[in-house]
N, C-alpha and C. Protein backbone atom coordinates (compact mmCIF):
# COMPACT_ATOMS: atom_id res chain seq x y z
N MET A 1 40.73 40.55 79.62
CA MET A 1 41.86 41.32 79.16
C MET A 1 43.13 40.58 79.51
N GLU A 2 44.07 40.69 78.61
CA GLU A 2 45.41 40.05 78.74
C GLU A 2 46.17 40.66 79.90
N ASP A 3 46.89 39.92 80.69
CA ASP A 3 47.83 40.36 81.70
C ASP A 3 49.11 40.85 80.98
N VAL A 4 49.64 42.03 81.52
CA VAL A 4 50.90 42.49 81.07
C VAL A 4 51.74 42.73 82.27
N THR A 5 53.12 42.70 82.01
CA THR A 5 54.08 42.90 83.16
C THR A 5 55.04 43.97 82.70
N LEU A 6 55.29 44.98 83.54
CA LEU A 6 56.28 46.08 83.21
C LEU A 6 57.64 45.39 83.36
N VAL A 7 58.39 45.47 82.29
CA VAL A 7 59.70 44.81 82.23
C VAL A 7 60.87 45.83 82.27
N MET A 8 60.59 47.08 81.87
CA MET A 8 61.60 48.06 82.05
C MET A 8 61.08 49.44 81.81
N GLN A 9 61.80 50.42 82.35
CA GLN A 9 61.45 51.80 82.25
C GLN A 9 62.69 52.58 81.78
N SER A 10 62.47 53.53 80.92
CA SER A 10 63.60 54.35 80.38
C SER A 10 63.11 55.76 80.28
N GLU A 11 64.06 56.63 79.99
CA GLU A 11 63.68 58.08 79.66
C GLU A 11 64.40 58.58 78.47
N VAL A 12 63.87 59.44 77.74
CA VAL A 12 64.51 60.09 76.59
C VAL A 12 64.22 61.56 76.70
N LYS A 13 65.22 62.38 76.48
CA LYS A 13 65.08 63.87 76.52
C LYS A 13 65.05 64.43 75.10
N ILE A 14 63.92 65.16 74.78
CA ILE A 14 63.73 65.72 73.55
C ILE A 14 63.42 67.19 73.66
N ASN A 15 64.23 68.09 73.10
CA ASN A 15 64.03 69.53 73.16
C ASN A 15 63.95 70.01 74.62
N GLY A 16 64.65 69.38 75.51
CA GLY A 16 64.62 69.87 76.90
C GLY A 16 63.57 69.30 77.87
N THR A 17 62.74 68.42 77.28
CA THR A 17 61.69 67.74 78.01
C THR A 17 62.00 66.31 78.11
N THR A 18 61.88 65.79 79.22
CA THR A 18 62.10 64.37 79.54
C THR A 18 60.80 63.49 79.47
N TYR A 19 60.82 62.48 78.69
CA TYR A 19 59.60 61.62 78.51
C TYR A 19 59.89 60.16 78.95
N ALA A 20 59.11 59.63 79.78
CA ALA A 20 59.12 58.36 80.32
C ALA A 20 58.70 57.33 79.31
N ILE A 21 59.40 56.20 79.17
CA ILE A 21 59.14 55.16 78.29
C ILE A 21 58.86 53.90 79.26
N HIS A 22 57.67 53.27 79.28
CA HIS A 22 57.47 52.03 80.02
C HIS A 22 57.30 50.96 78.97
N VAL A 23 58.04 49.77 79.17
CA VAL A 23 57.94 48.69 78.35
C VAL A 23 57.36 47.48 79.08
N TYR A 24 56.27 46.91 78.44
CA TYR A 24 55.51 45.82 78.97
C TYR A 24 55.70 44.54 78.21
N ARG A 25 55.56 43.38 78.87
CA ARG A 25 55.52 42.03 78.13
C ARG A 25 54.17 41.55 78.26
N ARG A 26 53.62 41.07 77.13
CA ARG A 26 52.33 40.34 77.19
C ARG A 26 52.43 38.89 77.56
N GLU A 27 51.36 38.22 77.76
CA GLU A 27 51.39 36.89 78.10
C GLU A 27 52.09 36.06 77.01
N ASP A 28 51.89 36.46 75.81
CA ASP A 28 52.48 35.70 74.64
C ASP A 28 53.92 35.94 74.41
N GLY A 29 54.56 36.82 75.29
CA GLY A 29 55.89 37.10 75.17
C GLY A 29 56.23 38.32 74.32
N HIS A 30 55.47 38.81 73.59
CA HIS A 30 55.66 40.00 72.77
C HIS A 30 55.64 41.22 73.77
N CYS A 31 56.29 42.27 73.39
CA CYS A 31 56.43 43.46 74.21
C CYS A 31 55.83 44.69 73.40
N PHE A 32 55.61 45.72 74.29
CA PHE A 32 55.16 47.02 73.74
C PHE A 32 55.72 48.12 74.67
N ALA A 33 56.04 49.22 74.01
CA ALA A 33 56.51 50.40 74.72
C ALA A 33 55.40 51.55 74.72
N VAL A 34 55.24 52.19 75.90
CA VAL A 34 54.19 53.24 76.07
C VAL A 34 54.84 54.45 76.55
N THR A 35 54.49 55.66 75.93
CA THR A 35 54.83 56.93 76.41
C THR A 35 53.64 57.85 76.32
N HIS A 36 53.44 58.53 77.50
CA HIS A 36 52.25 59.45 77.61
C HIS A 36 52.83 60.85 77.19
N LEU A 37 52.27 61.50 76.36
CA LEU A 37 52.63 62.91 76.07
C LEU A 37 51.46 63.80 76.64
N LYS A 38 51.71 65.10 76.50
CA LYS A 38 50.76 66.06 77.06
C LYS A 38 49.39 65.90 76.28
N ASN A 39 48.35 66.45 76.83
CA ASN A 39 47.03 66.46 76.29
C ASN A 39 46.52 64.98 75.99
N GLY A 40 46.88 64.11 76.82
CA GLY A 40 46.43 62.71 76.69
C GLY A 40 46.89 61.85 75.59
N ASP A 41 47.79 62.36 74.73
CA ASP A 41 48.32 61.60 73.62
C ASP A 41 49.28 60.43 74.24
N ILE A 42 49.04 59.31 73.60
CA ILE A 42 49.82 58.10 73.99
C ILE A 42 50.47 57.57 72.74
N ILE A 43 51.74 57.26 72.85
CA ILE A 43 52.43 56.67 71.71
C ILE A 43 52.85 55.32 72.15
N ILE A 44 52.47 54.33 71.28
CA ILE A 44 52.61 52.85 71.61
C ILE A 44 53.36 52.22 70.40
N ASN A 45 54.44 51.42 70.71
CA ASN A 45 55.18 50.64 69.69
C ASN A 45 55.32 49.18 70.17
N ASP A 46 55.12 48.26 69.18
CA ASP A 46 55.23 46.85 69.50
C ASP A 46 56.70 46.36 69.20
N GLY A 47 57.01 45.28 69.72
CA GLY A 47 58.37 44.56 69.42
C GLY A 47 58.34 43.10 69.74
N GLU A 48 59.09 42.33 69.09
CA GLU A 48 59.23 40.95 69.55
C GLU A 48 59.87 40.84 71.00
N THR A 49 60.81 41.74 71.25
CA THR A 49 61.54 41.76 72.47
C THR A 49 61.36 43.15 73.13
N HIS A 50 61.71 43.24 74.46
CA HIS A 50 61.57 44.58 75.09
C HIS A 50 62.63 45.53 74.49
N GLU A 51 63.79 44.99 74.04
CA GLU A 51 64.79 45.90 73.39
C GLU A 51 64.26 46.43 72.10
N GLU A 52 63.57 45.55 71.37
CA GLU A 52 63.05 46.02 70.09
C GLU A 52 61.91 47.12 70.29
N ALA A 53 61.10 46.90 71.23
CA ALA A 53 60.00 47.82 71.48
C ALA A 53 60.52 49.14 71.93
N LEU A 54 61.55 49.08 72.78
CA LEU A 54 62.23 50.34 73.31
C LEU A 54 62.90 51.01 72.08
N THR A 55 63.65 50.31 71.31
CA THR A 55 64.36 50.96 70.28
C THR A 55 63.42 51.68 69.21
N ARG A 56 62.28 50.96 68.94
CA ARG A 56 61.27 51.59 68.08
C ARG A 56 60.71 52.83 68.71
N GLN A 57 60.38 52.84 70.02
CA GLN A 57 59.88 53.91 70.70
C GLN A 57 60.82 55.10 70.68
N GLU A 58 62.08 54.79 71.05
CA GLU A 58 63.05 55.85 71.00
C GLU A 58 63.20 56.50 69.57
N GLY A 59 62.95 55.70 68.56
CA GLY A 59 63.12 56.22 67.18
C GLY A 59 61.95 57.07 66.82
N VAL A 60 60.72 56.71 67.25
CA VAL A 60 59.50 57.44 66.88
C VAL A 60 59.22 58.65 67.70
N LEU A 61 59.69 58.66 68.93
CA LEU A 61 59.38 59.83 69.84
C LEU A 61 59.71 61.18 69.30
N PRO A 62 60.98 61.38 68.87
CA PRO A 62 61.34 62.75 68.35
C PRO A 62 60.36 63.19 67.21
N LEU A 63 59.98 62.25 66.38
CA LEU A 63 59.02 62.69 65.26
C LEU A 63 57.64 63.01 65.88
N ALA A 64 57.25 62.17 66.80
CA ALA A 64 55.93 62.32 67.40
C ALA A 64 55.86 63.73 68.15
N VAL A 65 56.82 63.98 68.94
CA VAL A 65 56.92 65.28 69.70
C VAL A 65 57.00 66.48 68.76
N GLY A 66 57.87 66.34 67.75
CA GLY A 66 58.09 67.42 66.72
C GLY A 66 56.79 67.72 66.00
N SER A 67 56.07 66.68 65.51
CA SER A 67 54.89 66.87 64.77
C SER A 67 53.81 67.62 65.58
N ARG A 68 53.76 67.18 66.82
CA ARG A 68 52.77 67.80 67.80
C ARG A 68 53.16 69.30 67.93
N ALA A 69 54.42 69.57 68.06
CA ALA A 69 54.83 70.95 68.32
C ALA A 69 54.45 71.79 66.99
N ILE A 70 54.65 71.24 65.92
CA ILE A 70 54.24 71.97 64.57
C ILE A 70 52.78 72.16 64.60
N LEU A 71 52.02 71.19 64.98
CA LEU A 71 50.49 71.35 64.97
C LEU A 71 50.09 72.34 65.99
N ASP A 72 50.72 72.32 67.18
CA ASP A 72 50.31 73.29 68.22
C ASP A 72 50.70 74.72 67.67
N GLU A 73 51.79 74.94 67.02
CA GLU A 73 52.16 76.32 66.54
C GLU A 73 51.28 76.71 65.38
N PHE A 74 50.82 75.72 64.59
CA PHE A 74 49.94 76.06 63.49
C PHE A 74 48.58 76.42 64.13
N ARG A 75 48.05 75.73 65.12
CA ARG A 75 46.81 76.17 65.73
C ARG A 75 46.80 77.49 66.37
N ARG A 76 47.97 77.78 67.03
CA ARG A 76 48.14 79.14 67.66
C ARG A 76 48.13 80.21 66.63
N SER A 77 48.88 80.02 65.54
CA SER A 77 48.98 81.06 64.56
C SER A 77 47.69 81.15 63.76
N SER A 78 47.05 80.10 63.57
CA SER A 78 45.73 80.16 62.83
C SER A 78 44.64 80.91 63.68
N GLY A 79 44.68 80.70 64.94
CA GLY A 79 43.81 81.35 65.75
C GLY A 79 43.97 82.80 65.84
N LEU A 80 45.32 83.26 65.83
CA LEU A 80 45.53 84.73 65.78
C LEU A 80 45.10 85.30 64.39
N LEU A 81 45.39 84.52 63.30
CA LEU A 81 45.08 85.08 62.03
C LEU A 81 43.52 85.19 61.89
N LEU A 82 42.75 84.26 62.51
CA LEU A 82 41.31 84.36 62.38
C LEU A 82 40.83 85.47 63.21
N LYS A 83 41.44 85.73 64.31
CA LYS A 83 41.04 86.78 65.22
C LYS A 83 41.12 88.14 64.50
N PHE A 84 42.27 88.33 63.83
CA PHE A 84 42.49 89.69 63.12
C PHE A 84 41.81 89.77 61.76
N SER A 85 41.30 88.71 61.23
CA SER A 85 40.78 88.83 59.90
C SER A 85 39.33 89.32 59.89
N HIS A 86 38.74 89.55 61.02
CA HIS A 86 37.27 90.06 61.16
C HIS A 86 37.28 91.52 61.22
């Protein structure tokens, strides 16, 4: 397995929740950003530089968090509908 080095950490606040972003550099110089969400979800974005990886991660996170919130709401409402349909 390739060695990676943590090169920076950042945080972004979305809908009142703060998410940590860790940016790593691979041996080949390319970087990737990692954010752990609830339920074991992990969002990863690559970049040529740590700045590019961070920028991509910051751009994608609101969409990732929002889509999971919509899915969670759908699952909750579907469960209630199924409960009352019998």
